[in-house]
Every structure is written in structure tokens, then in C-alpha cells.
Amino acid sequence: MYMTVIMILVSALSFWGAMYNKKTGNTPGFIIGGLFSLTLIGVTLIAIYDELIGIQ
């Protein structure tokens, strides 16, 4: 439960950072941060699914 909440916060912060990199023109940072954000959001969605429904 606590890890899922932490992952949601980290996902939001990583997405926010990727968007900041895009706004400031940092293309390599946007690409690397965007890939990290997408991966982290995917893992977070799987964790939320596991918390609510359960993977068996």
C-alpha cells in the first residue's frame, strides 16, 4: 500500500520533470526523462491494478 502511494508521487514528479525539460528546451533530458516517466507510470499502473484487483 505505502509503496504504491510512493510510486504515484514519484511518477507525478518524473512526468513534471520531463515536461519541464521540454519547456526549457532540454531535448536529451526530455527524451531520457520521458522514457523513464513512461516506464514508471506503466509499473505504477500495474501496482495499482495489483492492489485493487490482484494478480494471481
PDB file of N, CA and C in Angstrom:
ATOM      1  N   MET A   1       0.818  -1.191   0.000  1.00  0.00           N
ATOM      2  CA  MET A   1       0.000   0.000   0.000  1.00  0.00           C
ATOM      3  C   MET A   1       0.864   1.259   0.000  1.00  0.00           C
ATOM      4  N   TYR A   2       1.820   1.341   0.954  1.00  0.00           N
ATOM      5  CA  TYR A   2       2.651   2.533   1.035  1.00  0.00           C
ATOM      6  C   TYR A   2       3.548   2.687  -0.187  1.00  0.00           C
ATOM      7  N   MET A   3       4.041   1.565  -0.701  1.00  0.00           N
ATOM      8  CA  MET A   3       4.906   1.626  -1.868  1.00  0.00           C
ATOM      9  C   MET A   3       4.138   2.138  -3.084  1.00  0.00           C
ATOM     10  N   THR A   4       2.876   1.771  -3.210  1.00  0.00           N
ATOM     11  CA  THR A   4       2.071   2.245  -4.330  1.00  0.00           C
ATOM     12  C   THR A   4       1.878   3.752  -4.249  1.00  0.00           C
ATOM     13  N   VAL A   5       1.636   4.258  -3.067  1.00  0.00           N
ATOM     14  CA  VAL A   5       1.479   5.711  -2.896  1.00  0.00           C
ATOM     15  C   VAL A   5       2.775   6.429  -3.246  1.00  0.00           C
ATOM     16  N   ILE A   6       3.891   5.889  -2.811  1.00  0.00           N
ATOM     17  CA  ILE A   6       5.188   6.486  -3.138  1.00  0.00           C
ATOM     18  C   ILE A   6       5.422   6.447  -4.645  1.00  0.00           C
ATOM     19  N   MET A   7       5.055   5.341  -5.294  1.00  0.00           N
ATOM     20  CA  MET A   7       5.238   5.237  -6.743  1.00  0.00           C
ATOM     21  C   MET A   7       4.361   6.247  -7.487  1.00  0.00           C
ATOM     22  N   ILE A   8       3.164   6.506  -6.987  1.00  0.00           N
ATOM     23  CA  ILE A   8       2.305   7.512  -7.615  1.00  0.00           C
ATOM     24  C   ILE A   8       2.952   8.892  -7.517  1.00  0.00           C
ATOM     25  N   LEU A   9       3.491   9.226  -6.353  1.00  0.00           N
ATOM     26  CA  LEU A   9       4.163  10.516  -6.184  1.00  0.00           C
ATOM     27  C   LEU A   9       5.398  10.638  -7.076  1.00  0.00           C
ATOM     28  N   VAL A  10       6.198   9.589  -7.132  1.00  0.00           N
ATOM     29  CA  VAL A  10       7.406   9.619  -7.965  1.00  0.00           C
ATOM     30  C   VAL A  10       7.038   9.706  -9.443  1.00  0.00           C
ATOM     31  N   SER A  11       5.974   9.024  -9.856  1.00  0.00           N
ATOM     32  CA  SER A  11       5.520   9.096 -11.241  1.00  0.00           C
ATOM     33  C   SER A  11       5.099  10.517 -11.603  1.00  0.00           C
ATOM     34  N   ALA A  12       4.360  11.160 -10.701  1.00  0.00           N
ATOM     35  CA  ALA A  12       3.935  12.541 -10.950  1.00  0.00           C
ATOM     36  C   ALA A  12       5.132  13.472 -11.052  1.00  0.00           C
ATOM     37  N   LEU A  13       6.105  13.300 -10.163  1.00  0.00           N
ATOM     38  CA  LEU A  13       7.291  14.150 -10.195  1.00  0.00           C
ATOM     39  C   LEU A  13       8.135  13.912 -11.448  1.00  0.00           C
ATOM     40  N   SER A  14       8.243  12.656 -11.878  1.00  0.00           N
ATOM     41  CA  SER A  14       9.044  12.379 -13.074  1.00  0.00           C
ATOM     42  C   SER A  14       8.360  12.934 -14.323  1.00  0.00           C
ATOM     43  N   PHE A  15       7.032  12.854 -14.371  1.00  0.00           N
ATOM     44  CA  PHE A  15       6.303  13.441 -15.507  1.00  0.00           C
ATOM     45  C   PHE A  15       6.457  14.959 -15.512  1.00  0.00           C
ATOM     46  N   TRP A  16       6.367  15.554 -14.334  1.00  0.00           N
ATOM     47  CA  TRP A  16       6.530  17.001 -14.202  1.00  0.00           C
ATOM     48  C   TRP A  16       7.935  17.410 -14.653  1.00  0.00           C
ATOM     49  N   GLY A  17       8.943  16.636 -14.281  1.00  0.00           N
ATOM     50  CA  GLY A  17      10.314  16.932 -14.693  1.00  0.00           C
ATOM     51  C   GLY A  17      10.516  16.803 -16.189  1.00  0.00           C
ATOM     52  N   ALA A  18       9.898  15.795 -16.793  1.00  0.00           N
ATOM     53  CA  ALA A  18      10.004  15.630 -18.244  1.00  0.00           C
ATOM     54  C   ALA A  18       9.359  16.808 -18.964  1.00  0.00           C
ATOM     55  N   MET A  19       8.223  17.261 -18.471  1.00  0.00           N
ATOM     56  CA  MET A  19       7.562  18.412 -19.090  1.00  0.00           C
ATOM     57  C   MET A  19       8.372  19.698 -18.893  1.00  0.00           C
ATOM     58  N   TYR A  20       9.041  19.812 -17.758  1.00  0.00           N
ATOM     59  CA  TYR A  20       9.915  20.962 -17.518  1.00  0.00           C
ATOM     60  C   TYR A  20      11.090  20.942 -18.499  1.00  0.00           C
ATOM     61  N   ASN A  21      11.652  19.761 -18.735  1.00  0.00           N
ATOM     62  CA  ASN A  21      12.749  19.648 -19.700  1.00  0.00           C
ATOM     63  C   ASN A  21      12.282  20.041 -21.093  1.00  0.00           C
ATOM     64  N   LYS A  22      11.063  19.670 -21.450  1.00  0.00           N
ATOM     65  CA  LYS A  22      10.537  20.047 -22.762  1.00  0.00           C
ATOM     66  C   LYS A  22      10.356  21.554 -22.849  1.00  0.00           C
ATOM     67  N   LYS A  23       9.825  22.159 -21.788  1.00  0.00           N
ATOM     68  CA  LYS A  23       9.567  23.594 -21.778  1.00  0.00           C
ATOM     69  C   LYS A  23      10.855  24.401 -21.870  1.00  0.00           C
ATOM     70  N   THR A  24      11.924  23.916 -21.230  1.00  0.00           N
ATOM     71  CA  THR A  24      13.181  24.658 -21.221  1.00  0.00           C
ATOM     72  C   THR A  24      14.075  24.320 -22.412  1.00  0.00           C
ATOM     73  N   GLY A  25      13.638  23.412 -23.264  1.00  0.00           N
ATOM     74  CA  GLY A  25      14.405  23.093 -24.460  1.00  0.00           C
ATOM     75  C   GLY A  25      15.498  22.067 -24.251  1.00  0.00           C
ATOM     76  N   ASN A  26      15.470  21.337 -23.187  1.00  0.00           N
ATOM     77  CA  ASN A  26      16.473  20.306 -22.898  1.00  0.00           C
ATOM     78  C   ASN A  26      16.016  19.000 -23.555  1.00  0.00           C
ATOM     79  N   THR A  27      16.311  18.839 -24.840  1.00  0.00           N
ATOM     80  CA  THR A  27      15.820  17.682 -25.596  1.00  0.00           C
ATOM     81  C   THR A  27      16.346  16.346 -25.078  1.00  0.00           C
ATOM     82  N   PRO A  28      17.654  16.199 -24.819  1.00  0.00           N
ATOM     83  CA  PRO A  28      18.108  14.903 -24.280  1.00  0.00           C
ATOM     84  C   PRO A  28      17.464  14.578 -22.929  1.00  0.00           C
ATOM     85  N   GLY A  29      17.326  15.580 -22.083  1.00  0.00           N
ATOM     86  CA  GLY A  29      16.678  15.371 -20.793  1.00  0.00           C
ATOM     87  C   GLY A  29      15.217  15.002 -20.952  1.00  0.00           C
ATOM     88  N   PHE A  30      14.556  15.610 -21.953  1.00  0.00           N
ATOM     89  CA  PHE A  30      13.153  15.292 -22.194  1.00  0.00           C
ATOM     90  C   PHE A  30      12.994  13.861 -22.685  1.00  0.00           C
ATOM     91  N   ILE A  31      13.879  13.426 -23.572  1.00  0.00           N
ATOM     92  CA  ILE A  31      13.779  12.061 -24.105  1.00  0.00           C
ATOM     93  C   ILE A  31      14.061  11.035 -23.009  1.00  0.00           C
ATOM     94  N   ILE A  32      15.150  11.220 -22.288  1.00  0.00           N
ATOM     95  CA  ILE A  32      15.500  10.275 -21.222  1.00  0.00           C
ATOM     96  C   ILE A  32      14.453  10.324 -20.106  1.00  0.00           C
ATOM     97  N   GLY A  33      14.074  11.512 -19.689  1.00  0.00           N
ATOM     98  CA  GLY A  33      13.066  11.654 -18.649  1.00  0.00           C
ATOM     99  C   GLY A  33      11.705  11.145 -19.081  1.00  0.00           C
ATOM    100  N   GLY A  34      11.368  11.358 -20.358  1.00  0.00           N
ATOM    101  CA  GLY A  34      10.098  10.863 -20.871  1.00  0.00           C
ATOM    102  C   GLY A  34      10.036   9.346 -20.885  1.00  0.00           C
ATOM    103  N   LEU A  35      11.124   8.706 -21.297  1.00  0.00           N
ATOM    104  CA  LEU A  35      11.161   7.238 -21.275  1.00  0.00           C
ATOM    105  C   LEU A  35      11.075   6.705 -19.845  1.00  0.00           C
ATOM    106  N   PHE A  36      11.786   7.356 -18.944  1.00  0.00           N
ATOM    107  CA  PHE A  36      11.723   6.967 -17.534  1.00  0.00           C
ATOM    108  C   PHE A  36      10.308   7.140 -16.996  1.00  0.00           C
ATOM    109  N   SER A  37       9.681   8.266 -17.355  1.00  0.00           N
ATOM    110  CA  SER A  37       8.319   8.532 -16.888  1.00  0.00           C
ATOM    111  C   SER A  37       7.335   7.501 -17.411  1.00  0.00           C
ATOM    112  N   LEU A  38       7.418   7.180 -18.689  1.00  0.00           N
ATOM    113  CA  LEU A  38       6.501   6.198 -19.260  1.00  0.00           C
ATOM    114  C   LEU A  38       6.661   4.832 -18.605  1.00  0.00           C
ATOM    115  N   THR A  39       7.906   4.433 -18.402  1.00  0.00           N
ATOM    116  CA  THR A  39       8.157   3.150 -17.749  1.00  0.00           C
ATOM    117  C   THR A  39       7.635   3.148 -16.316  1.00  0.00           C
ATOM    118  N   LEU A  40       7.915   4.214 -15.598  1.00  0.00           N
ATOM    119  CA  LEU A  40       7.474   4.302 -14.207  1.00  0.00           C
ATOM    120  C   LEU A  40       5.958   4.365 -14.090  1.00  0.00           C
ATOM    121  N   ILE A  41       5.309   5.080 -14.995  1.00  0.00           N
ATOM    122  CA  ILE A  41       3.848   5.132 -14.981  1.00  0.00           C
ATOM    123  C   ILE A  41       3.265   3.756 -15.283  1.00  0.00           C
ATOM    124  N   GLY A  42       3.863   3.021 -16.211  1.00  0.00           N
ATOM    125  CA  GLY A  42       3.398   1.667 -16.508  1.00  0.00           C
ATOM    126  C   GLY A  42       3.509   0.746 -15.307  1.00  0.00           C
ATOM    127  N   VAL A  43       4.638   0.794 -14.623  1.00  0.00           N
ATOM    128  CA  VAL A  43       4.836  -0.045 -13.436  1.00  0.00           C
ATOM    129  C   VAL A  43       3.874   0.385 -12.327  1.00  0.00           C
ATOM    130  N   THR A  44       3.637   1.679 -12.207  1.00  0.00           N
ATOM    131  CA  THR A  44       2.697   2.172 -11.196  1.00  0.00           C
ATOM    132  C   THR A  44       1.278   1.698 -11.490  1.00  0.00           C
ATOM    133  N   LEU A  45       0.879   1.704 -12.749  1.00  0.00           N
ATOM    134  CA  LEU A  45      -0.449   1.208 -13.108  1.00  0.00           C
ATOM    135  C   LEU A  45      -0.590  -0.283 -12.791  1.00  0.00           C
ATOM    136  N   ILE A  46       0.466  -1.043 -13.036  1.00  0.00           N
ATOM    137  CA  ILE A  46       0.433  -2.468 -12.684  1.00  0.00           C
ATOM    138  C   ILE A  46       0.319  -2.631 -11.167  1.00  0.00           C
ATOM    139  N   ALA A  47       1.027  -1.804 -10.409  1.00  0.00           N
ATOM    140  CA  ALA A  47       0.961  -1.882  -8.944  1.00  0.00           C
ATOM    141  C   ALA A  47      -0.433  -1.517  -8.434  1.00  0.00           C
ATOM    142  N   ILE A  48      -1.052  -0.509  -9.045  1.00  0.00           N
ATOM    143  CA  ILE A  48      -2.410  -0.132  -8.651  1.00  0.00           C
ATOM    144  C   ILE A  48      -3.380  -1.257  -8.984  1.00  0.00           C
ATOM    145  N   TYR A  49      -3.232  -1.837 -10.137  1.00  0.00           N
ATOM    146  CA  TYR A  49      -4.084  -2.969 -10.528  1.00  0.00           C
ATOM    147  C   TYR A  49      -3.929  -4.122  -9.536  1.00  0.00           C
ATOM    148  N   ASP A  50      -2.702  -4.381  -9.141  1.00  0.00           N
ATOM    149  CA  ASP A  50      -2.440  -5.458  -8.183  1.00  0.00           C
ATOM    150  C   ASP A  50      -3.068  -5.151  -6.820  1.00  0.00           C
ATOM    151  N   GLU A  51      -3.024  -3.885  -6.398  1.00  0.00           N
ATOM    152  CA  GLU A  51      -3.631  -3.506  -5.122  1.00  0.00           C
ATOM    153  C   GLU A  51      -5.147  -3.663  -5.156  1.00  0.00           C
ATOM    154  N   LEU A  52      -5.771  -3.246  -6.270  1.00  0.00           N
ATOM    155  CA  LEU A  52      -7.229  -3.233  -6.331  1.00  0.00           C
ATOM    156  C   LEU A  52      -7.826  -4.588  -6.684  1.00  0.00           C
ATOM    157  N   ILE A  53      -7.274  -5.245  -7.685  1.00  0.00           N
ATOM    158  CA  ILE A  53      -7.863  -6.495  -8.183  1.00  0.00           C
ATOM    159  C   ILE A  53      -7.032  -7.697  -7.774  1.00  0.00           C
ATOM    160  N   GLY A  54      -5.741  -7.581  -7.906  1.00  0.00           N
ATOM    161  CA  GLY A  54      -4.851  -8.685  -7.546  1.00  0.00           C
ATOM    162  C   GLY A  54      -4.428  -9.481  -8.773  1.00  0.00           C
ATOM    163  N   ILE A  55      -3.164  -9.778  -8.846  1.00  0.00           N
ATOM    164  CA  ILE A  55      -2.612 -10.579  -9.936  1.00  0.00           C
ATOM    165  C   ILE A  55      -2.348 -11.968  -9.372  1.00  0.00           C
ATOM    166  N   GLN A  56      -3.033 -12.966  -9.954  1.00  0.00           N
ATOM    167  CA  GLN A  56      -2.881 -14.311  -9.418  1.00  0.00           C
ATOM    168  C   GLN A  56      -2.597 -15.308 -10.504  1.00  0.00           C
TER     169      GLN A  56
END
